Amino acid sequence: MARALDLSEVGGGRLLPLEALSPRPQPRRRFEEASLKALAESVRAHGVLEPLLVRPLGDGKYAIVAGERRYRAARMAGLSEVPVRVVELSEKEAKLFALVENLQREDLNPYEETLGVLDLLSEDLGRPVEEVVALLHRMRDEARRKVPQNVLGSLEARRVEEVFRALGRMGWESFVQARLPLLNLPENLKAALEEGAIPYTAALELKKVKDEPSRKALLEEARAGLSLRELKARVREVLRKEKAPRPWHREVGERLLRLDLEALLPEKRARVEALLAELKELLG
């Protein structure tokens, strides 16, 4: 986990030119344009009130640890420099601090938050994200006694529990059940979730619909403000139709369209032709 940042260890506030600052990859994938413009107006009127936290890179360059939104607003407002506090952190500590800082601010959408938690666990455990996801699923299955226990109680499992306790967001089991499914959302649902157009509960509900046109239509209704209760009812209706057996005449019709009479044995072809002639007569 990122160590607690003691301000006594942080250098005093100073001004640095924006050109000396480098944004770094962070959990937030999207910055709300309207919100960013509002912040830029405030910055234009009052300046940047809270210093950015940065770490030195050498040659007069600094990486932003926390405060990229203020950095973007300052650029939008036309400022040439911003107040900063310089902190000595390793690259790993900086990444962990940025993840925790963003998660604690509660301004990430659920998809970004899920990726942020997985990145945090990946850094903390020293394992790729894919292995972290597999570990979490294994822990869930063992907790439900679906598989023999050989992970729960291990050092890695205890670290996972400690990370979730430190974040104070939700337990690891809730995370596995409610958030990991977001990783496998269809692209249109993922985009709507990242835009903040639908809540993650609606995204998970829509994910159940396999028929793409039906899912797209329901997504538009959800975007327009359909309540979760109404959406669940619509999804149940679509799923009933998806599970219903296909009418026999459609199945037969499609097979006839694919039928190559010339490839049939003569006696079978004659029988099929006779039956088709009889069917044609019955149908008028």
Protein backbone atom coordinates (compact mmCIF):
# COMPACT_ATOMS: atom_id res chain seq x y z
CA MET A 1 0.00 0.00 0.00
CA ALA A 2 1.09 3.60 -0.48
CA ARG A 3 2.62 4.91 2.70
CA ALA A 4 0.79 7.69 4.53
CA LEU A 5 2.05 11.03 3.32
CA ASP A 6 3.50 13.04 6.20
CA LEU A 7 3.43 16.72 5.23
CA SER A 8 6.50 17.28 7.36
CA GLU A 9 8.36 15.28 4.73
CA VAL A 10 7.02 17.34 1.87
CA GLY A 11 8.87 20.35 0.55
CA GLY A 12 7.39 23.78 1.06
CA GLY A 13 4.98 25.26 -1.45
CA ARG A 14 6.51 26.80 -4.55
CA LEU A 15 5.49 27.86 -8.02
CA LEU A 16 6.50 25.85 -11.05
CA PRO A 17 5.82 26.51 -14.75
CA LEU A 18 3.29 24.18 -16.36
CA GLU A 19 5.92 23.18 -18.92
CA ALA A 20 7.98 21.62 -16.13
CA LEU A 21 5.13 19.31 -15.08
CA SER A 22 4.33 15.94 -16.64
CA PRO A 23 0.97 14.22 -16.14
CA ARG A 24 1.33 10.52 -15.42
CA PRO A 25 -0.98 7.57 -16.16
CA GLN A 26 -3.67 7.38 -13.50
CA PRO A 27 -6.99 5.64 -12.77
CA ARG A 28 -9.19 8.40 -14.15
CA ARG A 29 -9.64 7.78 -17.90
CA ARG A 30 -12.12 10.59 -18.44
CA PHE A 31 -12.35 14.20 -17.28
CA GLU A 32 -15.88 15.63 -17.36
CA GLU A 33 -15.67 18.55 -19.79
CA ALA A 34 -18.35 20.71 -18.14
CA SER A 35 -16.87 20.16 -14.67
CA LEU A 36 -13.37 20.91 -15.95
CA LYS A 37 -14.56 24.15 -17.56
CA ALA A 38 -16.23 25.20 -14.30
CA LEU A 39 -13.00 24.53 -12.42
CA ALA A 40 -11.05 26.51 -15.04
CA GLU A 41 -13.35 29.50 -14.48
CA SER A 42 -12.73 29.26 -10.74
CA VAL A 43 -8.98 29.00 -11.32
CA ARG A 44 -9.10 32.01 -13.64
CA ALA A 45 -10.85 34.02 -10.95
CA HIS A 46 -9.09 32.80 -7.79
CA GLY A 47 -6.04 30.85 -8.89
CA VAL A 48 -5.13 27.29 -7.90
CA LEU A 49 -5.89 27.20 -4.17
CA GLU A 50 -4.62 23.69 -3.39
CA PRO A 51 -1.03 22.92 -4.45
CA LEU A 52 -0.36 19.97 -6.72
CA LEU A 53 1.80 17.17 -5.35
CA VAL A 54 4.75 16.45 -7.63
CA ARG A 55 7.89 14.32 -7.55
CA PRO A 56 11.21 15.35 -9.11
CA LEU A 57 12.33 13.60 -12.29
CA GLY A 58 15.59 15.50 -12.74
CA ASP A 59 16.63 18.23 -15.19
CA GLY A 60 14.01 20.56 -13.74
CA LYS A 61 11.12 18.25 -14.62
CA TYR A 62 8.45 16.98 -12.22
CA ALA A 63 5.81 14.26 -12.45
CA ILE A 64 2.34 15.04 -11.11
CA VAL A 65 1.44 12.67 -8.27
CA ALA A 66 -1.91 14.26 -7.37
CA GLY A 67 -3.73 17.18 -8.93
CA GLU A 68 -3.89 16.50 -12.67
CA ARG A 69 -7.41 17.94 -12.83
CA ARG A 70 -6.11 21.23 -11.36
CA TYR A 71 -3.23 21.09 -13.83
CA ARG A 72 -5.64 20.72 -16.78
CA ALA A 73 -7.89 23.49 -15.47
CA ALA A 74 -4.88 25.79 -15.07
CA ARG A 75 -3.87 25.19 -18.69
CA MET A 76 -7.44 25.82 -19.80
CA ALA A 77 -7.51 29.05 -17.76
CA GLY A 78 -4.31 30.27 -19.42
CA LEU A 79 -2.05 30.13 -16.35
CA SER A 80 1.67 29.72 -16.90
CA GLU A 81 2.55 28.37 -13.45
CA VAL A 82 0.88 26.63 -10.51
CA PRO A 83 1.66 26.09 -6.82
CA VAL A 84 3.15 22.71 -6.02
CA ARG A 85 4.56 20.72 -3.15
CA VAL A 86 7.51 18.52 -3.96
CA VAL A 87 7.56 15.06 -2.40
CA GLU A 88 10.23 12.39 -2.64
CA LEU A 89 8.49 9.20 -3.73
CA SER A 90 9.59 6.24 -5.77
CA GLU A 91 7.73 5.48 -8.99
CA LYS A 92 5.83 2.66 -7.27
CA GLU A 93 4.95 4.81 -4.24
CA ALA A 94 3.77 7.59 -6.55
CA LYS A 95 1.53 5.23 -8.48
CA LEU A 96 0.04 3.76 -5.32
CA PHE A 97 -0.49 7.21 -3.80
CA ALA A 98 -2.23 8.43 -6.97
CA LEU A 99 -4.52 5.40 -6.97
CA VAL A 100 -5.47 5.79 -3.32
CA GLU A 101 -5.92 9.55 -3.69
CA ASN A 102 -8.28 9.14 -6.64
CA LEU A 103 -10.26 6.35 -5.00
CA GLN A 104 -10.69 8.32 -1.78
CA ARG A 105 -11.92 11.38 -3.66
CA GLU A 106 -14.88 9.31 -4.91
CA ASP A 107 -14.86 11.04 -8.32
CA LEU A 108 -14.08 7.98 -10.43
CA ASN A 109 -16.87 6.22 -12.28
CA PRO A 110 -17.38 2.55 -11.28
CA TYR A 111 -15.45 1.19 -14.27
CA GLU A 112 -12.43 3.43 -13.60
CA GLU A 113 -12.66 2.62 -9.92
CA THR A 114 -12.61 -1.11 -10.68
CA LEU A 115 -9.50 -0.73 -12.84
CA GLY A 116 -7.91 1.46 -10.17
CA VAL A 117 -8.46 -1.12 -7.43
CA LEU A 118 -7.06 -3.88 -9.64
CA ASP A 119 -3.99 -1.75 -10.46
CA LEU A 120 -3.52 -1.09 -6.76
CA LEU A 121 -3.71 -4.79 -5.94
CA SER A 122 -1.41 -5.58 -8.84
CA GLU A 123 1.25 -3.16 -7.55
CA ASP A 124 0.83 -4.27 -3.95
CA LEU A 125 1.05 -8.01 -4.72
CA GLY A 126 3.58 -7.70 -7.53
CA ARG A 127 1.36 -9.75 -9.86
CA PRO A 128 -0.26 -8.95 -13.25
CA VAL A 129 -3.86 -7.77 -13.18
CA GLU A 130 -5.02 -10.99 -14.85
CA GLU A 131 -3.53 -13.03 -12.01
CA VAL A 132 -5.10 -10.71 -9.43
CA VAL A 133 -8.53 -11.27 -11.02
CA ALA A 134 -7.97 -15.03 -10.95
CA LEU A 135 -6.88 -14.82 -7.30
CA LEU A 136 -10.03 -12.90 -6.36
CA HIS A 137 -12.26 -15.42 -8.11
CA ARG A 138 -10.45 -18.27 -6.38
CA MET A 139 -10.92 -16.59 -3.00
CA ARG A 140 -14.63 -16.15 -3.72
CA ASP A 141 -15.04 -19.80 -4.75
CA GLU A 142 -13.19 -21.00 -1.65
CA ALA A 143 -15.28 -18.74 0.60
CA ARG A 144 -18.40 -20.33 -0.93
CA ARG A 145 -16.84 -23.80 -0.48
CA LYS A 146 -17.07 -24.53 -4.19
CA VAL A 147 -13.41 -25.58 -4.32
CA PRO A 148 -10.90 -26.87 -1.73
CA GLN A 149 -9.24 -24.15 0.32
CA ASN A 150 -5.64 -23.38 -0.54
CA VAL A 151 -5.64 -19.59 -1.04
CA LEU A 152 -7.77 -18.16 1.77
CA GLY A 153 -5.60 -17.43 4.77
CA SER A 154 -2.47 -17.13 2.65
CA LEU A 155 -0.24 -14.05 2.79
CA GLU A 156 -1.64 -12.80 -0.53
CA ALA A 157 -5.24 -13.22 0.60
CA ARG A 158 -4.49 -11.31 3.81
CA ARG A 159 -2.91 -8.51 1.77
CA VAL A 160 -6.04 -8.34 -0.39
CA GLU A 161 -8.20 -8.04 2.73
CA GLU A 162 -5.89 -5.33 4.14
CA VAL A 163 -6.05 -3.32 0.93
CA PHE A 164 -9.85 -3.32 0.91
CA ARG A 165 -9.97 -2.40 4.60
CA ALA A 166 -7.59 0.49 3.95
CA LEU A 167 -9.65 1.77 1.03
CA GLY A 168 -12.86 1.57 3.06
CA ARG A 169 -14.95 1.29 -0.11
CA MET A 170 -16.36 -2.23 -0.02
CA GLY A 171 -15.32 -5.74 0.94
CA TRP A 172 -13.39 -7.89 -1.51
CA GLU A 173 -16.35 -10.28 -1.90
CA SER A 174 -18.68 -7.43 -2.91
CA PHE A 175 -16.00 -6.23 -5.31
CA VAL A 176 -15.81 -9.65 -6.97
CA GLN A 177 -19.58 -9.94 -7.25
CA ALA A 178 -20.51 -6.41 -8.30
CA ARG A 179 -17.44 -4.91 -9.96
CA LEU A 180 -15.39 -7.59 -11.70
CA PRO A 181 -18.26 -8.32 -14.15
CA LEU A 182 -17.78 -4.76 -15.45
CA LEU A 183 -14.53 -5.91 -17.07
CA ASN A 184 -16.51 -8.01 -19.57
CA LEU A 185 -19.10 -5.45 -20.59
CA PRO A 186 -19.88 -5.00 -24.31
CA GLU A 187 -18.17 -1.89 -25.67
CA ASN A 188 -21.35 0.23 -25.93
CA LEU A 189 -22.21 -0.46 -22.28
CA LYS A 190 -18.65 0.25 -21.19
CA ALA A 191 -18.69 3.58 -23.07
CA ALA A 192 -22.03 4.59 -21.53
CA LEU A 193 -20.73 3.71 -18.07
CA GLU A 194 -17.50 5.69 -18.56
CA GLU A 195 -19.55 8.67 -19.76
CA GLY A 196 -21.64 8.50 -16.62
CA ALA A 197 -24.78 8.02 -18.75
CA ILE A 198 -25.93 4.95 -16.80
CA PRO A 199 -25.17 3.54 -13.33
CA TYR A 200 -23.12 0.36 -13.07
CA THR A 201 -26.18 -1.54 -11.80
CA ALA A 202 -27.94 -0.76 -15.10
CA ALA A 203 -24.86 -1.82 -17.06
CA LEU A 204 -24.79 -5.18 -15.30
CA GLU A 205 -28.50 -5.66 -15.95
CA LEU A 206 -28.13 -4.84 -19.65
CA LYS A 207 -25.16 -7.21 -19.90
CA LYS A 208 -27.59 -10.12 -19.45
CA VAL A 209 -29.18 -9.37 -22.85
CA LYS A 210 -27.27 -11.22 -25.58
CA ASP A 211 -29.30 -9.96 -28.53
CA GLU A 212 -27.44 -6.84 -29.63
CA PRO A 213 -30.39 -4.88 -31.17
CA SER A 214 -32.48 -5.52 -28.06
CA ARG A 215 -29.63 -4.49 -25.78
CA LYS A 216 -29.01 -1.33 -27.81
CA ALA A 217 -32.69 -0.34 -27.61
CA LEU A 218 -32.77 -0.92 -23.85
CA LEU A 219 -29.54 1.08 -23.45
CA GLU A 220 -31.15 4.07 -25.14
CA GLU A 221 -34.11 3.80 -22.75
CA ALA A 222 -31.73 3.61 -19.79
CA ARG A 223 -29.90 6.70 -21.06
CA ALA A 224 -33.24 8.49 -21.27
CA GLY A 225 -33.89 7.89 -17.58
CA LEU A 226 -35.58 4.51 -17.33
CA SER A 227 -35.51 3.47 -13.66
CA LEU A 228 -33.57 0.40 -12.60
CA ARG A 229 -36.80 -1.33 -11.56
CA GLU A 230 -38.36 -0.69 -14.99
CA LEU A 231 -35.16 -1.74 -16.72
CA LYS A 232 -35.07 -5.05 -14.84
CA ALA A 233 -38.65 -5.75 -15.93
CA ARG A 234 -37.77 -5.02 -19.57
CA VAL A 235 -34.70 -7.21 -19.38
CA ARG A 236 -36.72 -10.12 -17.92
CA GLU A 237 -39.18 -9.79 -20.79
CA VAL A 238 -36.40 -9.86 -23.41
CA LEU A 239 -34.74 -12.84 -21.74
CA ARG A 240 -38.02 -14.78 -21.77
CA LYS A 241 -38.26 -14.22 -25.51
CA GLU A 242 -34.62 -15.22 -26.00
CA LYS A 243 -35.19 -18.51 -24.14
CA ALA A 244 -38.48 -19.33 -25.85
CA PRO A 245 -38.20 -22.15 -28.43
CA ARG A 246 -38.23 -21.01 -32.03
CA PRO A 247 -41.49 -21.68 -33.94
CA TRP A 248 -41.19 -24.98 -35.83
CA HIS A 249 -42.19 -23.45 -39.15
CA ARG A 250 -39.30 -20.95 -39.00
CA GLU A 251 -36.86 -23.75 -38.26
CA VAL A 252 -38.21 -25.82 -41.19
CA GLY A 253 -38.24 -22.80 -43.49
CA GLU A 254 -34.61 -21.98 -42.78
CA ARG A 255 -33.57 -25.59 -43.35
CA LEU A 256 -35.43 -25.62 -46.68
CA LEU A 257 -33.60 -22.47 -47.76
CA ARG A 258 -30.31 -24.21 -47.09
CA LEU A 259 -31.41 -27.44 -48.80
CA ASP A 260 -29.60 -28.49 -51.99
CA LEU A 261 -32.02 -30.83 -53.78
CA GLU A 262 -29.44 -31.78 -56.38
CA ALA A 263 -27.21 -33.22 -53.66
CA LEU A 264 -29.89 -35.60 -52.41
CA LEU A 265 -30.21 -39.22 -53.47
CA PRO A 266 -32.80 -39.61 -56.28
CA GLU A 267 -35.41 -41.40 -54.15
CA LYS A 268 -35.03 -38.87 -51.31
CA ARG A 269 -35.17 -35.93 -53.73
CA ALA A 270 -38.35 -37.28 -55.26
CA ARG A 271 -39.92 -37.66 -51.82
CA VAL A 272 -38.94 -34.08 -50.79
CA GLU A 273 -40.28 -32.65 -54.06
CA ALA A 274 -43.58 -34.48 -53.57
CA LEU A 275 -43.91 -33.17 -50.01
CA LEU A 276 -43.10 -29.60 -51.11
CA ALA A 277 -45.73 -29.85 -53.87
CA GLU A 278 -48.28 -31.08 -51.33
CA LEU A 279 -47.37 -28.27 -48.91
CA LYS A 280 -47.67 -25.69 -51.68
CA GLU A 281 -51.12 -26.97 -52.54
CA LEU A 282 -52.26 -26.89 -48.90
CA LEU A 283 -51.09 -23.30 -48.54
CA GLY A 284 -52.93 -22.28 -51.69
